[in-house]
Amino acid sequence: MQKQQHAATAGQATSNVSAANFDNLPDSAFIRESQLVQSPKRPASPAPLPFSAPTLWRKVKAGTFPAPVKLADRVTAWKVGDVRAWIAGQCATQQAKG
């Protein structure tokens, strides 16, 4: 487990991240799609974002969600700080409407 935490602080993609410890990751860490959104294959596993992977990609394409970073040919991840900023912006928008 310590290697995973060290990888997060080194700016590499993390594994086994749940919504509970998303708040404990540094802003410089990377988080993968499977750790950001709810999966029908893992319904008991909480996720920081309340929508599906296809919705995540639609939002990225529309420019309403931060673009991911390509870490390798088959590895795409988001910076935790960018995701947190997006969530904070969504909360501020909802509070302004309410």
PDB file of N, CA and C in Angstrom:
ATOM      1  N   MET A   1       0.826  -1.194   0.000  1.00  0.00           N
ATOM      2  CA  MET A   1       0.000   0.000   0.000  1.00  0.00           C
ATOM      3  C   MET A   1       0.864   1.249   0.000  1.00  0.00           C
ATOM      4  N   GLN A   2       2.030   1.206   0.649  1.00  0.00           N
ATOM      5  CA  GLN A   2       2.878   2.380   0.690  1.00  0.00           C
ATOM      6  C   GLN A   2       3.398   2.740  -0.694  1.00  0.00           C
ATOM      7  N   LYS A   3       3.651   1.743  -1.539  1.00  0.00           N
ATOM      8  CA  LYS A   3       4.109   2.022  -2.896  1.00  0.00           C
ATOM      9  C   LYS A   3       3.050   2.802  -3.671  1.00  0.00           C
ATOM     10  N   GLN A   4       1.771   2.451  -3.490  1.00  0.00           N
ATOM     11  CA  GLN A   4       0.703   3.155  -4.182  1.00  0.00           C
ATOM     12  C   GLN A   4       0.625   4.599  -3.716  1.00  0.00           C
ATOM     13  N   GLN A   5       0.752   4.839  -2.427  1.00  0.00           N
ATOM     14  CA  GLN A   5       0.716   6.206  -1.920  1.00  0.00           C
ATOM     15  C   GLN A   5       1.907   6.987  -2.434  1.00  0.00           C
ATOM     16  N   HIS A   6       3.085   6.336  -2.486  1.00  0.00           N
ATOM     17  CA  HIS A   6       4.272   7.003  -2.991  1.00  0.00           C
ATOM     18  C   HIS A   6       4.099   7.347  -4.471  1.00  0.00           C
ATOM     19  N   ALA A   7       3.514   6.434  -5.248  1.00  0.00           N
ATOM     20  CA  ALA A   7       3.285   6.698  -6.667  1.00  0.00           C
ATOM     21  C   ALA A   7       2.372   7.897  -6.850  1.00  0.00           C
ATOM     22  N   ALA A   8       1.382   8.042  -5.984  1.00  0.00           N
ATOM     23  CA  ALA A   8       0.464   9.172  -6.085  1.00  0.00           C
ATOM     24  C   ALA A   8       1.204  10.483  -5.852  1.00  0.00           C
ATOM     25  N   THR A   9       2.095  10.492  -4.888  1.00  0.00           N
ATOM     26  CA  THR A   9       2.811  11.724  -4.602  1.00  0.00           C
ATOM     27  C   THR A   9       3.875  11.999  -5.655  1.00  0.00           C
ATOM     28  N   ALA A  10       4.279  10.985  -6.380  1.00  0.00           N
ATOM     29  CA  ALA A  10       5.267  11.174  -7.432  1.00  0.00           C
ATOM     30  C   ALA A  10       4.607  11.624  -8.732  1.00  0.00           C
ATOM     31  N   GLY A  11       3.283  11.785  -8.739  1.00  0.00           N
ATOM     32  CA  GLY A  11       2.583  12.246  -9.936  1.00  0.00           C
ATOM     33  C   GLY A  11       2.254  11.136 -10.901  1.00  0.00           C
ATOM     34  N   GLN A  12       2.244   9.891 -10.435  1.00  0.00           N
ATOM     35  CA  GLN A  12       1.904   8.768 -11.292  1.00  0.00           C
ATOM     36  C   GLN A  12       0.476   8.336 -11.003  1.00  0.00           C
ATOM     37  N   ALA A  13      -0.095   7.540 -11.895  1.00  0.00           N
ATOM     38  CA  ALA A  13      -1.462   7.064 -11.701  1.00  0.00           C
ATOM     39  C   ALA A  13      -1.542   6.203 -10.454  1.00  0.00           C
ATOM     40  N   THR A  14      -2.634   6.342  -9.736  1.00  0.00           N
ATOM     41  CA  THR A  14      -2.831   5.565  -8.519  1.00  0.00           C
ATOM     42  C   THR A  14      -3.741   4.394  -8.808  1.00  0.00           C
ATOM     43  N   SER A  15      -3.727   3.402  -7.922  1.00  0.00           N
ATOM     44  CA  SER A  15      -4.643   2.280  -8.066  1.00  0.00           C
ATOM     45  C   SER A  15      -5.389   2.092  -6.760  1.00  0.00           C
ATOM     46  N   ASN A  16      -6.544   1.453  -6.844  1.00  0.00           N
ATOM     47  CA  ASN A  16      -7.378   1.180  -5.679  1.00  0.00           C
ATOM     48  C   ASN A  16      -7.779   2.452  -4.933  1.00  0.00           C
ATOM     49  N   VAL A  17      -8.081   3.504  -5.652  1.00  0.00           N
ATOM     50  CA  VAL A  17      -8.520   4.752  -5.038  1.00  0.00           C
ATOM     51  C   VAL A  17     -10.034   4.701  -4.899  1.00  0.00           C
ATOM     52  N   SER A  18     -10.536   5.007  -3.724  1.00  0.00           N
ATOM     53  CA  SER A  18     -11.981   5.086  -3.529  1.00  0.00           C
ATOM     54  C   SER A  18     -12.341   6.534  -3.253  1.00  0.00           C
ATOM     55  N   ALA A  19     -13.618   6.823  -3.263  1.00  0.00           N
ATOM     56  CA  ALA A  19     -14.079   8.179  -2.979  1.00  0.00           C
ATOM     57  C   ALA A  19     -13.650   8.609  -1.584  1.00  0.00           C
ATOM     58  N   ALA A  20     -13.543   7.656  -0.677  1.00  0.00           N
ATOM     59  CA  ALA A  20     -13.177   7.982   0.695  1.00  0.00           C
ATOM     60  C   ALA A  20     -11.767   8.551   0.793  1.00  0.00           C
ATOM     61  N   ASN A  21     -10.816   8.014   0.029  1.00  0.00           N
ATOM     62  CA  ASN A  21      -9.465   8.544   0.134  1.00  0.00           C
ATOM     63  C   ASN A  21      -9.095   9.480  -1.018  1.00  0.00           C
ATOM     64  N   PHE A  22     -10.033   9.784  -1.898  1.00  0.00           N
ATOM     65  CA  PHE A  22      -9.801  10.767  -2.960  1.00  0.00           C
ATOM     66  C   PHE A  22      -9.385  12.098  -2.338  1.00  0.00           C
ATOM     67  N   ASP A  23     -10.005  12.451  -1.224  1.00  0.00           N
ATOM     68  CA  ASP A  23      -9.705  13.712  -0.550  1.00  0.00           C
ATOM     69  C   ASP A  23      -8.303  13.737   0.043  1.00  0.00           C
ATOM     70  N   ASN A  24      -7.718  12.579   0.262  1.00  0.00           N
ATOM     71  CA  ASN A  24      -6.389  12.510   0.856  1.00  0.00           C
ATOM     72  C   ASN A  24      -5.257  12.556  -0.171  1.00  0.00           C
ATOM     73  N   LEU A  25      -5.583  12.437  -1.451  1.00  0.00           N
ATOM     74  CA  LEU A  25      -4.551  12.471  -2.488  1.00  0.00           C
ATOM     75  C   LEU A  25      -4.065  13.900  -2.704  1.00  0.00           C
ATOM     76  N   PRO A  26      -2.800  14.064  -3.038  1.00  0.00           N
ATOM     77  CA  PRO A  26      -2.311  15.410  -3.357  1.00  0.00           C
ATOM     78  C   PRO A  26      -2.865  15.865  -4.711  1.00  0.00           C
ATOM     79  N   ASP A  27      -2.945  17.171  -4.910  1.00  0.00           N
ATOM     80  CA  ASP A  27      -3.456  17.704  -6.180  1.00  0.00           C
ATOM     81  C   ASP A  27      -2.620  17.260  -7.373  1.00  0.00           C
ATOM     82  N   SER A  28      -1.362  16.930  -7.149  1.00  0.00           N
ATOM     83  CA  SER A  28      -0.479  16.538  -8.250  1.00  0.00           C
ATOM     84  C   SER A  28      -0.643  15.076  -8.659  1.00  0.00           C
ATOM     85  N   ALA A  29      -1.413  14.295  -7.900  1.00  0.00           N
ATOM     86  CA  ALA A  29      -1.619  12.878  -8.206  1.00  0.00           C
ATOM     87  C   ALA A  29      -2.505  12.735  -9.441  1.00  0.00           C
ATOM     88  N   PHE A  30      -2.454  11.571 -10.045  1.00  0.00           N
ATOM     89  CA  PHE A  30      -3.311  11.248 -11.175  1.00  0.00           C
ATOM     90  C   PHE A  30      -4.315  10.188 -10.747  1.00  0.00           C
ATOM     91  N   ILE A  31      -5.501  10.241 -11.351  1.00  0.00           N
ATOM     92  CA  ILE A  31      -6.555   9.274 -11.053  1.00  0.00           C
ATOM     93  C   ILE A  31      -7.157   8.791 -12.371  1.00  0.00           C
ATOM     94  N   ARG A  32      -7.383   7.499 -12.468  1.00  0.00           N
ATOM     95  CA  ARG A  32      -7.876   6.887 -13.705  1.00  0.00           C
ATOM     96  C   ARG A  32      -9.402   6.938 -13.767  1.00  0.00           C
ATOM     97  N   GLU A  33      -9.924   6.732 -14.959  1.00  0.00           N
ATOM     98  CA  GLU A  33     -11.384   6.755 -15.181  1.00  0.00           C
ATOM     99  C   GLU A  33     -12.112   5.799 -14.251  1.00  0.00           C
ATOM    100  N   SER A  34     -11.603   4.596 -14.114  1.00  0.00           N
ATOM    101  CA  SER A  34     -12.275   3.588 -13.291  1.00  0.00           C
ATOM    102  C   SER A  34     -12.368   3.999 -11.822  1.00  0.00           C
ATOM    103  N   GLN A  35     -11.519   4.931 -11.403  1.00  0.00           N
ATOM    104  CA  GLN A  35     -11.536   5.397 -10.031  1.00  0.00           C
ATOM    105  C   GLN A  35     -12.381   6.653  -9.858  1.00  0.00           C
ATOM    106  N   LEU A  36     -12.718   7.286 -10.976  1.00  0.00           N
ATOM    107  CA  LEU A  36     -13.498   8.531 -10.939  1.00  0.00           C
ATOM    108  C   LEU A  36     -15.000   8.316 -10.976  1.00  0.00           C
ATOM    109  N   VAL A  37     -15.436   7.303 -11.719  1.00  0.00           N
ATOM    110  CA  VAL A  37     -16.873   7.131 -11.960  1.00  0.00           C
ATOM    111  C   VAL A  37     -17.371   5.789 -11.449  1.00  0.00           C
ATOM    112  N   GLN A  38     -18.653   5.718 -11.207  1.00  0.00           N
ATOM    113  CA  GLN A  38     -19.317   4.502 -10.758  1.00  0.00           C
ATOM    114  C   GLN A  38     -19.321   3.492 -11.900  1.00  0.00           C
ATOM    115  N   SER A  39     -19.056   2.249 -11.590  1.00  0.00           N
ATOM    116  CA  SER A  39     -19.062   1.196 -12.599  1.00  0.00           C
ATOM    117  C   SER A  39     -20.157   0.184 -12.293  1.00  0.00           C
ATOM    118  N   PRO A  40     -20.907  -0.242 -13.312  1.00  0.00           N
ATOM    119  CA  PRO A  40     -21.917  -1.277 -13.082  1.00  0.00           C
ATOM    120  C   PRO A  40     -21.281  -2.591 -12.604  1.00  0.00           C
ATOM    121  N   LYS A  41     -20.004  -2.785 -12.935  1.00  0.00           N
ATOM    122  CA  LYS A  41     -19.308  -3.999 -12.517  1.00  0.00           C
ATOM    123  C   LYS A  41     -18.910  -3.947 -11.043  1.00  0.00           C
ATOM    124  N   ARG A  42     -18.826  -2.726 -10.485  1.00  0.00           N
ATOM    125  CA  ARG A  42     -18.455  -2.546  -9.084  1.00  0.00           C
ATOM    126  C   ARG A  42     -19.430  -1.588  -8.402  1.00  0.00           C
ATOM    127  N   PRO A  43     -20.704  -1.974  -8.263  1.00  0.00           N
ATOM    128  CA  PRO A  43     -21.700  -1.054  -7.706  1.00  0.00           C
ATOM    129  C   PRO A  43     -21.449  -0.688  -6.234  1.00  0.00           C
ATOM    130  N   ALA A  44     -20.746  -1.520  -5.496  1.00  0.00           N
ATOM    131  CA  ALA A  44     -20.492  -1.233  -4.086  1.00  0.00           C
ATOM    132  C   ALA A  44     -19.303  -0.295  -3.889  1.00  0.00           C
ATOM    133  N   SER A  45     -18.542  -0.090  -4.940  1.00  0.00           N
ATOM    134  CA  SER A  45     -17.355   0.763  -4.840  1.00  0.00           C
ATOM    135  C   SER A  45     -17.743   2.222  -5.085  1.00  0.00           C
ATOM    136  N   PRO A  46     -17.582   3.090  -4.081  1.00  0.00           N
ATOM    137  CA  PRO A  46     -17.960   4.497  -4.267  1.00  0.00           C
ATOM    138  C   PRO A  46     -16.991   5.217  -5.205  1.00  0.00           C
ATOM    139  N   ALA A  47     -17.482   6.254  -5.840  1.00  0.00           N
ATOM    140  CA  ALA A  47     -16.660   7.041  -6.761  1.00  0.00           C
ATOM    141  C   ALA A  47     -16.921   8.521  -6.518  1.00  0.00           C
ATOM    142  N   PRO A  48     -15.920   9.366  -6.765  1.00  0.00           N
ATOM    143  CA  PRO A  48     -16.094  10.800  -6.525  1.00  0.00           C
ATOM    144  C   PRO A  48     -17.105  11.477  -7.457  1.00  0.00           C
ATOM    145  N   LEU A  49     -17.287  10.932  -8.662  1.00  0.00           N
ATOM    146  CA  LEU A  49     -18.200  11.557  -9.616  1.00  0.00           C
ATOM    147  C   LEU A  49     -19.492  10.754  -9.735  1.00  0.00           C
ATOM    148  N   PRO A  50     -20.633  11.433  -9.829  1.00  0.00           N
ATOM    149  CA  PRO A  50     -21.925  10.744  -9.809  1.00  0.00           C
ATOM    150  C   PRO A  50     -22.459  10.332 -11.174  1.00  0.00           C
ATOM    151  N   PHE A  51     -21.570  10.130 -12.146  1.00  0.00           N
ATOM    152  CA  PHE A  51     -22.045   9.743 -13.477  1.00  0.00           C
ATOM    153  C   PHE A  51     -21.177   8.641 -14.060  1.00  0.00           C
ATOM    154  N   SER A  52     -21.600   8.123 -15.215  1.00  0.00           N
ATOM    155  CA  SER A  52     -20.949   6.973 -15.836  1.00  0.00           C
ATOM    156  C   SER A  52     -19.737   7.389 -16.669  1.00  0.00           C
ATOM    157  N   ALA A  53     -18.961   6.393 -17.090  1.00  0.00           N
ATOM    158  CA  ALA A  53     -17.793   6.638 -17.934  1.00  0.00           C
ATOM    159  C   ALA A  53     -18.183   7.286 -19.268  1.00  0.00           C
ATOM    160  N   PRO A  54     -19.252   6.817 -19.954  1.00  0.00           N
ATOM    161  CA  PRO A  54     -19.621   7.493 -21.204  1.00  0.00           C
ATOM    162  C   PRO A  54     -19.973   8.974 -20.992  1.00  0.00           C
ATOM    163  N   THR A  55     -20.625   9.285 -19.872  1.00  0.00           N
ATOM    164  CA  THR A  55     -20.948  10.686 -19.582  1.00  0.00           C
ATOM    165  C   THR A  55     -19.671  11.475 -19.315  1.00  0.00           C
ATOM    166  N   LEU A  56     -18.729  10.879 -18.637  1.00  0.00           N
ATOM    167  CA  LEU A  56     -17.435  11.534 -18.399  1.00  0.00           C
ATOM    168  C   LEU A  56     -16.794  11.925 -19.724  1.00  0.00           C
ATOM    169  N   TRP A  57     -16.736  10.987 -20.666  1.00  0.00           N
ATOM    170  CA  TRP A  57     -16.107  11.272 -21.959  1.00  0.00           C
ATOM    171  C   TRP A  57     -16.905  12.285 -22.779  1.00  0.00           C
ATOM    172  N   ARG A  58     -18.244  12.266 -22.663  1.00  0.00           N
ATOM    173  CA  ARG A  58     -19.045  13.289 -23.348  1.00  0.00           C
ATOM    174  C   ARG A  58     -18.716  14.671 -22.794  1.00  0.00           C
ATOM    175  N   LYS A  59     -18.567  14.758 -21.474  1.00  0.00           N
ATOM    176  CA  LYS A  59     -18.232  16.042 -20.851  1.00  0.00           C
ATOM    177  C   LYS A  59     -16.832  16.504 -21.266  1.00  0.00           C
ATOM    178  N   VAL A  60     -15.886  15.589 -21.360  1.00  0.00           N
ATOM    179  CA  VAL A  60     -14.534  15.944 -21.817  1.00  0.00           C
ATOM    180  C   VAL A  60     -14.603  16.469 -23.249  1.00  0.00           C
ATOM    181  N   LYS A  61     -15.324  15.764 -24.113  1.00  0.00           N
ATOM    182  CA  LYS A  61     -15.443  16.172 -25.516  1.00  0.00           C
ATOM    183  C   LYS A  61     -16.121  17.533 -25.643  1.00  0.00           C
ATOM    184  N   ALA A  62     -17.120  17.788 -24.796  1.00  0.00           N
ATOM    185  CA  ALA A  62     -17.850  19.059 -24.843  1.00  0.00           C
ATOM    186  C   ALA A  62     -17.064  20.196 -24.191  1.00  0.00           C
ATOM    187  N   GLY A  63     -15.981  19.849 -23.508  1.00  0.00           N
ATOM    188  CA  GLY A  63     -15.183  20.870 -22.837  1.00  0.00           C
ATOM    189  C   GLY A  63     -15.738  21.292 -21.489  1.00  0.00           C
ATOM    190  N   THR A  64     -16.655  20.510 -20.937  1.00  0.00           N
ATOM    191  CA  THR A  64     -17.249  20.848 -19.642  1.00  0.00           C
ATOM    192  C   THR A  64     -16.619  20.072 -18.485  1.00  0.00           C
ATOM    193  N   PHE A  65     -15.621  19.259 -18.789  1.00  0.00           N
ATOM    194  CA  PHE A  65     -14.852  18.543 -17.772  1.00  0.00           C
ATOM    195  C   PHE A  65     -13.397  18.604 -18.200  1.00  0.00           C
ATOM    196  N   PRO A  66     -12.458  18.695 -17.247  1.00  0.00           N
ATOM    197  CA  PRO A  66     -11.042  18.807 -17.618  1.00  0.00           C
ATOM    198  C   PRO A  66     -10.570  17.663 -18.514  1.00  0.00           C
ATOM    199  N   ALA A  67      -9.697  17.979 -19.430  1.00  0.00           N
ATOM    200  CA  ALA A  67      -9.128  16.966 -20.320  1.00  0.00           C
ATOM    201  C   ALA A  67      -8.149  16.091 -19.546  1.00  0.00           C
ATOM    202  N   PRO A  68      -8.093  14.813 -19.886  1.00  0.00           N
ATOM    203  CA  PRO A  68      -7.154  13.921 -19.212  1.00  0.00           C
ATOM    204  C   PRO A  68      -5.738  14.116 -19.747  1.00  0.00           C
ATOM    205  N   VAL A  69      -4.804  13.493 -19.056  1.00  0.00           N
ATOM    206  CA  VAL A  69      -3.402  13.491 -19.449  1.00  0.00           C
ATOM    207  C   VAL A  69      -3.065  12.096 -19.934  1.00  0.00           C
ATOM    208  N   LYS A  70      -2.402  12.006 -21.072  1.00  0.00           N
ATOM    209  CA  LYS A  70      -1.987  10.716 -21.614  1.00  0.00           C
ATOM    210  C   LYS A  70      -0.643  10.367 -20.988  1.00  0.00           C
ATOM    211  N   LEU A  71      -0.614   9.361 -20.110  1.00  0.00           N
ATOM    212  CA  LEU A  71       0.608   8.974 -19.420  1.00  0.00           C
ATOM    213  C   LEU A  71       1.413   7.938 -20.198  1.00  0.00           C
ATOM    214  N   ALA A  72       0.729   7.150 -21.013  1.00  0.00           N
ATOM    215  CA  ALA A  72       1.351   6.134 -21.864  1.00  0.00           C
ATOM    216  C   ALA A  72       0.359   5.809 -22.973  1.00  0.00           C
ATOM    217  N   ASP A  73       0.737   4.914 -23.869  1.00  0.00           N
ATOM    218  CA  ASP A  73      -0.148   4.578 -24.987  1.00  0.00           C
ATOM    219  C   ASP A  73      -1.540   4.166 -24.534  1.00  0.00           C
ATOM    220  N   ARG A  74      -1.614   3.382 -23.476  1.00  0.00           N
ATOM    221  CA  ARG A  74      -2.909   2.883 -23.015  1.00  0.00           C
ATOM    222  C   ARG A  74      -3.249   3.340 -21.609  1.00  0.00           C
ATOM    223  N   VAL A  75      -2.651   4.436 -21.179  1.00  0.00           N
ATOM    224  CA  VAL A  75      -2.906   4.948 -19.831  1.00  0.00           C
ATOM    225  C   VAL A  75      -3.294   6.417 -19.906  1.00  0.00           C
ATOM    226  N   THR A  76      -4.534   6.696 -19.530  1.00  0.00           N
ATOM    227  CA  THR A  76      -5.060   8.061 -19.498  1.00  0.00           C
ATOM    228  C   THR A  76      -5.542   8.327 -18.082  1.00  0.00           C
ATOM    229  N   ALA A  77      -5.221   9.510 -17.569  1.00  0.00           N
ATOM    230  CA  ALA A  77      -5.616   9.838 -16.197  1.00  0.00           C
ATOM    231  C   ALA A  77      -5.859  11.335 -16.077  1.00  0.00           C
ATOM    232  N   TRP A  78      -6.521  11.716 -15.000  1.00  0.00           N
ATOM    233  CA  TRP A  78      -6.801  13.120 -14.714  1.00  0.00           C
ATOM    234  C   TRP A  78      -5.994  13.541 -13.502  1.00  0.00           C
ATOM    235  N   LYS A  79      -5.571  14.799 -13.477  1.00  0.00           N
ATOM    236  CA  LYS A  79      -4.914  15.327 -12.288  1.00  0.00           C
ATOM    237  C   LYS A  79      -5.984  15.533 -11.217  1.00  0.00           C
ATOM    238  N   VAL A  80      -5.718  15.066 -10.035  1.00  0.00           N
ATOM    239  CA  VAL A  80      -6.668  15.169  -8.930  1.00  0.00           C
ATOM    240  C   VAL A  80      -7.041  16.631  -8.683  1.00  0.00           C
ATOM    241  N   GLY A  81      -6.081  17.531  -8.772  1.00  0.00           N
ATOM    242  CA  GLY A  81      -6.352  18.956  -8.561  1.00  0.00           C
ATOM    243  C   GLY A  81      -7.341  19.507  -9.573  1.00  0.00           C
ATOM    244  N   ASP A  82      -7.246  19.060 -10.835  1.00  0.00           N
ATOM    245  CA  ASP A  82      -8.186  19.511 -11.864  1.00  0.00           C
ATOM    246  C   ASP A  82      -9.599  19.009 -11.567  1.00  0.00           C
ATOM    247  N   VAL A  83      -9.688  17.758 -11.125  1.00  0.00           N
ATOM    248  CA  VAL A  83     -11.005  17.182 -10.794  1.00  0.00           C
ATOM    249  C   VAL A  83     -11.608  17.909  -9.595  1.00  0.00           C
ATOM    250  N   ARG A  84     -10.786  18.169  -8.580  1.00  0.00           N
ATOM    251  CA  ARG A  84     -11.284  18.898  -7.405  1.00  0.00           C
ATOM    252  C   ARG A  84     -11.775  20.292  -7.783  1.00  0.00           C
ATOM    253  N   ALA A  85     -11.037  20.976  -8.645  1.00  0.00           N
ATOM    254  CA  ALA A  85     -11.444  22.320  -9.075  1.00  0.00           C
ATOM    255  C   ALA A  85     -12.779  22.242  -9.820  1.00  0.00           C
ATOM    256  N   TRP A  86     -12.954  21.222 -10.657  1.00  0.00           N
ATOM    257  CA  TRP A  86     -14.218  21.058 -11.393  1.00  0.00           C
ATOM    258  C   TRP A  86     -15.363  20.812 -10.401  1.00  0.00           C
ATOM    259  N   ILE A  87     -15.144  19.929  -9.426  1.00  0.00           N
ATOM    260  CA  ILE A  87     -16.184  19.644  -8.430  1.00  0.00           C
ATOM    261  C   ILE A  87     -16.538  20.910  -7.660  1.00  0.00           C
ATOM    262  N   ALA A  88     -15.541  21.676  -7.247  1.00  0.00           N
ATOM    263  CA  ALA A  88     -15.787  22.924  -6.512  1.00  0.00           C
ATOM    264  C   ALA A  88     -16.588  23.900  -7.372  1.00  0.00           C
ATOM    265  N   GLY A  89     -16.268  23.965  -8.666  1.00  0.00           N
ATOM    266  CA  GLY A  89     -17.016  24.836  -9.577  1.00  0.00           C
ATOM    267  C   GLY A  89     -18.467  24.410  -9.705  1.00  0.00           C
ATOM    268  N   GLN A  90     -18.704  23.094  -9.745  1.00  0.00           N
ATOM    269  CA  GLN A  90     -20.071  22.582  -9.837  1.00  0.00           C
ATOM    270  C   GLN A  90     -20.846  22.906  -8.566  1.00  0.00           C
ATOM    271  N   CYS A  91     -20.188  22.780  -7.422  1.00  0.00           N
ATOM    272  CA  CYS A  91     -20.840  23.103  -6.145  1.00  0.00           C
ATOM    273  C   CYS A  91     -21.188  24.598  -6.079  1.00  0.00           C
ATOM    274  N   ALA A  92     -20.271  25.430  -6.525  1.00  0.00           N
ATOM    275  CA  ALA A  92     -20.521  26.876  -6.519  1.00  0.00           C
ATOM    276  C   ALA A  92     -21.680  27.232  -7.441  1.00  0.00           C
ATOM    277  N   THR A  93     -21.763  26.598  -8.590  1.00  0.00           N
ATOM    278  CA  THR A  93     -22.860  26.835  -9.530  1.00  0.00           C
ATOM    279  C   THR A  93     -24.200  26.441  -8.917  1.00  0.00           C
ATOM    280  N   GLN A  94     -24.220  25.270  -8.257  1.00  0.00           N
ATOM    281  CA  GLN A  94     -25.455  24.794  -7.621  1.00  0.00           C
ATOM    282  C   GLN A  94     -25.883  25.708  -6.482  1.00  0.00           C
ATOM    283  N   GLN A  95     -24.926  26.209  -5.708  1.00  0.00           N
ATOM    284  CA  GLN A  95     -25.264  27.121  -4.602  1.00  0.00           C
ATOM    285  C   GLN A  95     -25.781  28.455  -5.121  1.00  0.00           C
ATOM    286  N   ALA A  96     -25.249  28.910  -6.251  1.00  0.00           N
ATOM    287  CA  ALA A  96     -25.702  30.173  -6.827  1.00  0.00           C
ATOM    288  C   ALA A  96     -27.135  30.031  -7.349  1.00  0.00           C
ATOM    289  N   LYS A  97     -27.483  28.856  -7.838  1.00  0.00           N
ATOM    290  CA  LYS A  97     -28.838  28.616  -8.343  1.00  0.00           C
ATOM    291  C   LYS A  97     -29.836  28.459  -7.195  1.00  0.00           C
ATOM    292  N   GLY A  98     -29.374  27.883  -6.091  1.00  0.00           N
ATOM    293  CA  GLY A  98     -30.246  27.512  -4.982  1.00  0.00           C
ATOM    294  C   GLY A  98     -30.646  28.644  -4.147  1.00  0.00           C
TER     295      GLY A  98
END
